Amino acid sequence: MSKPDLALLLEVGFIANEEVGYSRVFDFDFPQLRLDEDLVTENLSGEIHIARTANGLLTRAHFTATAKATCGRCLKAMAQPLACEFSELFTLPNKADANTETILPHDGKIDFAPILRDYMLIEVPISSVCRPDCKGLCPTCGVNRNSEDCGHEQNYVDPRLAVLKALLDNEN
């Protein structure tokens, strides 16, 4: 497995020395890449387009990958597809002011691993679902309702919400 501190570290100092308008595209394709302790991506592919502007380097990126996840309904292991796009402006040190957020490092190297990690984590759903029609687990016996029918009533009402259901039933 590749280490993110080397895999996505780009030497871009030469672009900063080019004329305004110069651009370069960097392509990436990793079978597996660890972006975080809890985020290991598989089949990560994408590109980073870097263009020299008057103020610095404008980066635009698009990446797709899959990550291991667990279905929030049936608890089955699954591959969660992820896709992200982002753009960042790395200002040249001599053009930076108090409002500048990101400055091009003096060594001319940008580590895109933490940036990609942040954008990929935003794309991870709060509750992954293996398929849209996943029936989940039976709340009575815990059997996976996608693979077998346990015979328990499907319209289970949480006892904490039973009072509200009774109100709705009385209204109808």
Protein backbone atom coordinates (compact mmCIF):
# COMPACT_ATOMS: atom_id res chain seq x y z
CA MET A 1 0.00 0.00 0.00
CA SER A 2 1.36 3.41 -0.97
CA LYS A 3 2.01 6.01 1.66
CA PRO A 4 0.09 9.24 1.08
CA ASP A 5 3.01 11.45 2.08
CA LEU A 6 4.93 10.22 -0.98
CA ALA A 7 2.18 9.24 -3.39
CA LEU A 8 0.51 12.65 -3.67
CA LEU A 9 3.52 14.89 -3.03
CA LEU A 10 4.06 16.93 -6.19
CA GLU A 11 7.07 19.02 -7.13
CA VAL A 12 5.40 22.08 -8.67
CA GLY A 13 8.09 24.70 -8.18
CA PHE A 14 8.92 24.63 -11.88
CA ILE A 15 5.34 25.70 -12.70
CA ALA A 16 5.70 28.74 -10.43
CA ASN A 17 8.69 29.80 -12.54
CA GLU A 18 6.76 29.57 -15.82
CA GLU A 19 4.80 32.31 -17.56
CA VAL A 20 1.20 33.08 -16.58
CA GLY A 21 -1.08 30.69 -18.47
CA TYR A 22 1.26 27.68 -18.37
CA SER A 23 -0.47 24.52 -17.14
CA ARG A 24 0.27 20.87 -16.49
CA VAL A 25 -1.92 17.85 -15.76
CA PHE A 26 -0.87 15.12 -13.31
CA ASP A 27 -2.68 11.79 -13.58
CA PHE A 28 -3.03 9.35 -10.69
CA ASP A 29 -4.04 5.71 -10.50
CA PHE A 30 -3.56 3.73 -7.28
CA PRO A 31 -4.95 0.24 -6.61
CA GLN A 32 -4.96 1.10 -2.89
CA LEU A 33 -4.03 4.22 -0.95
CA ARG A 34 -4.40 5.04 2.76
CA LEU A 35 -5.54 8.64 3.16
CA ASP A 36 -6.39 8.40 6.86
CA GLU A 37 -6.46 5.84 9.67
CA ASP A 38 -10.08 5.08 8.82
CA LEU A 39 -10.03 5.90 5.11
CA VAL A 40 -8.33 3.39 2.84
CA THR A 41 -9.29 3.96 -0.77
CA GLU A 42 -9.22 1.38 -3.51
CA ASN A 43 -9.03 2.04 -7.24
CA LEU A 44 -8.24 5.70 -6.63
CA SER A 45 -7.89 7.51 -9.92
CA GLY A 46 -8.02 11.09 -10.98
CA GLU A 47 -6.11 14.09 -12.11
CA ILE A 48 -4.82 17.38 -10.83
CA HIS A 49 -4.63 20.26 -13.30
CA ILE A 50 -2.22 22.99 -12.18
CA ALA A 51 -2.17 26.35 -13.94
CA ARG A 52 0.12 29.32 -13.36
CA THR A 53 -1.85 32.48 -12.60
CA ALA A 54 -0.74 36.00 -11.79
CA ASN A 55 -1.03 35.29 -8.06
CA GLY A 56 0.20 31.71 -7.90
CA LEU A 57 -0.87 28.20 -8.83
CA LEU A 58 -4.51 27.30 -9.37
CA THR A 59 -5.14 23.60 -8.84
CA ARG A 60 -8.28 21.82 -10.02
CA ALA A 61 -8.72 18.15 -9.26
CA HIS A 62 -11.17 15.34 -9.85
CA PHE A 63 -10.85 11.94 -8.13
CA THR A 64 -12.91 8.77 -7.88
CA ALA A 65 -12.36 5.81 -5.58
CA THR A 66 -14.09 3.18 -3.50
CA ALA A 67 -13.77 2.69 0.24
CA LYS A 68 -14.73 -0.17 2.48
CA ALA A 69 -17.94 0.53 4.37
CA THR A 70 -20.74 -1.22 6.19
CA CYS A 71 -24.37 -0.98 5.11
CA GLY A 72 -26.31 1.04 7.67
CA ARG A 73 -29.37 -1.19 7.26
CA CYS A 74 -28.15 -4.81 6.98
CA LEU A 75 -24.58 -4.44 8.33
CA LYS A 76 -23.13 -6.14 5.23
CA ALA A 77 -19.62 -5.15 4.10
CA MET A 78 -19.69 -3.14 0.91
CA ALA A 79 -17.60 -0.96 -1.38
CA GLN A 80 -18.73 2.67 -1.11
CA PRO A 81 -18.10 4.68 -4.30
CA LEU A 82 -16.62 8.12 -3.70
CA ALA A 83 -16.02 11.04 -6.04
CA CYS A 84 -14.78 14.54 -5.36
CA GLU A 85 -13.76 17.68 -7.16
CA PHE A 86 -11.88 20.57 -5.65
CA SER A 87 -9.87 23.62 -6.56
CA GLU A 88 -7.30 25.44 -4.47
CA LEU A 89 -5.20 28.52 -5.15
CA PHE A 90 -1.66 28.36 -3.82
CA THR A 91 -0.48 31.95 -3.65
CA LEU A 92 3.14 32.76 -4.36
CA PRO A 93 4.94 33.86 -1.17
CA ASN A 94 5.69 37.32 -2.58
CA LYS A 95 1.98 37.83 -3.49
CA ALA A 96 0.56 36.72 -0.10
CA ASP A 97 -1.27 39.12 2.21
CA ALA A 98 -3.27 38.84 5.44
CA ASN A 99 -6.26 37.27 3.65
CA THR A 100 -4.26 34.52 1.94
CA GLU A 101 -5.31 31.04 3.03
CA THR A 102 -2.80 28.81 1.25
CA ILE A 103 0.72 29.80 0.29
CA LEU A 104 2.96 27.82 -2.03
CA PRO A 105 5.69 26.25 0.12
CA HIS A 106 9.20 27.61 -0.45
CA ASP A 107 10.47 24.18 -1.51
CA GLY A 108 7.89 24.09 -4.33
CA LYS A 109 6.30 20.83 -3.16
CA ILE A 110 2.59 20.45 -2.44
CA ASP A 111 1.27 17.46 -0.53
CA PHE A 112 -2.21 16.79 -1.90
CA ALA A 113 -2.86 13.82 0.43
CA PRO A 114 -4.40 15.87 3.29
CA ILE A 115 -6.44 17.95 0.85
CA LEU A 116 -7.76 14.87 -0.95
CA ARG A 117 -8.44 13.19 2.42
CA ASP A 118 -10.62 16.11 3.53
CA TYR A 119 -12.63 16.19 0.32
CA MET A 120 -13.07 12.39 0.24
CA LEU A 121 -14.23 12.33 3.87
CA ILE A 122 -16.89 14.90 3.00
CA GLU A 123 -18.18 12.51 0.33
CA VAL A 124 -18.53 9.53 2.71
CA PRO A 125 -22.25 9.21 3.54
CA ILE A 126 -23.34 9.25 7.17
CA SER A 127 -25.10 5.95 6.61
CA SER A 128 -24.01 3.89 3.62
CA VAL A 129 -26.59 1.63 1.99
CA CYS A 130 -25.57 -1.46 -0.01
CA ARG A 131 -28.48 -0.95 -2.40
CA PRO A 132 -31.51 1.38 -2.46
CA ASP A 133 -34.01 -1.41 -1.75
CA CYS A 134 -32.06 -2.92 1.18
CA LYS A 135 -34.57 -4.30 3.70
CA GLY A 136 -32.13 -4.24 6.62
CA LEU A 137 -32.23 -6.36 9.74
CA CYS A 138 -35.39 -7.57 11.47
CA PRO A 139 -35.75 -5.52 14.67
CA THR A 140 -37.21 -8.55 16.46
CA CYS A 141 -34.80 -11.39 15.66
CA GLY A 142 -31.94 -9.64 13.83
CA VAL A 143 -32.05 -11.76 10.67
CA ASN A 144 -31.00 -10.10 7.40
CA ARG A 145 -34.34 -9.56 5.62
CA ASN A 146 -32.59 -9.42 2.23
CA SER A 147 -31.61 -13.08 2.44
CA GLU A 148 -34.54 -14.66 4.30
CA ASP A 149 -38.04 -13.94 5.58
CA CYS A 150 -38.28 -14.43 9.33
CA GLY A 151 -42.07 -13.96 9.42
CA HIS A 152 -42.05 -11.03 11.85
CA GLU A 153 -44.24 -8.02 11.18
CA GLN A 154 -42.50 -5.50 8.94
CA ASN A 155 -44.37 -2.49 10.35
CA TYR A 156 -42.50 -2.47 13.63
CA VAL A 157 -43.10 0.67 15.68
CA ASP A 158 -40.49 1.71 18.18
CA PRO A 159 -42.16 1.70 21.63
CA ARG A 160 -40.86 5.22 22.23
CA LEU A 161 -42.86 6.42 19.22
CA ALA A 162 -45.96 4.28 19.79
CA VAL A 163 -47.80 7.19 21.43
CA LEU A 164 -47.27 9.35 18.34
CA LYS A 165 -48.46 6.54 16.09
CA ALA A 166 -51.58 6.19 18.25
CA LEU A 167 -52.27 9.92 17.80
CA LEU A 168 -51.97 9.57 14.02
CA ASP A 169 -54.20 6.49 14.02
CA ASN A 170 -56.85 8.35 16.06
CA GLU A 171 -56.71 11.29 13.67
CA ASN A 172 -57.44 9.06 10.69
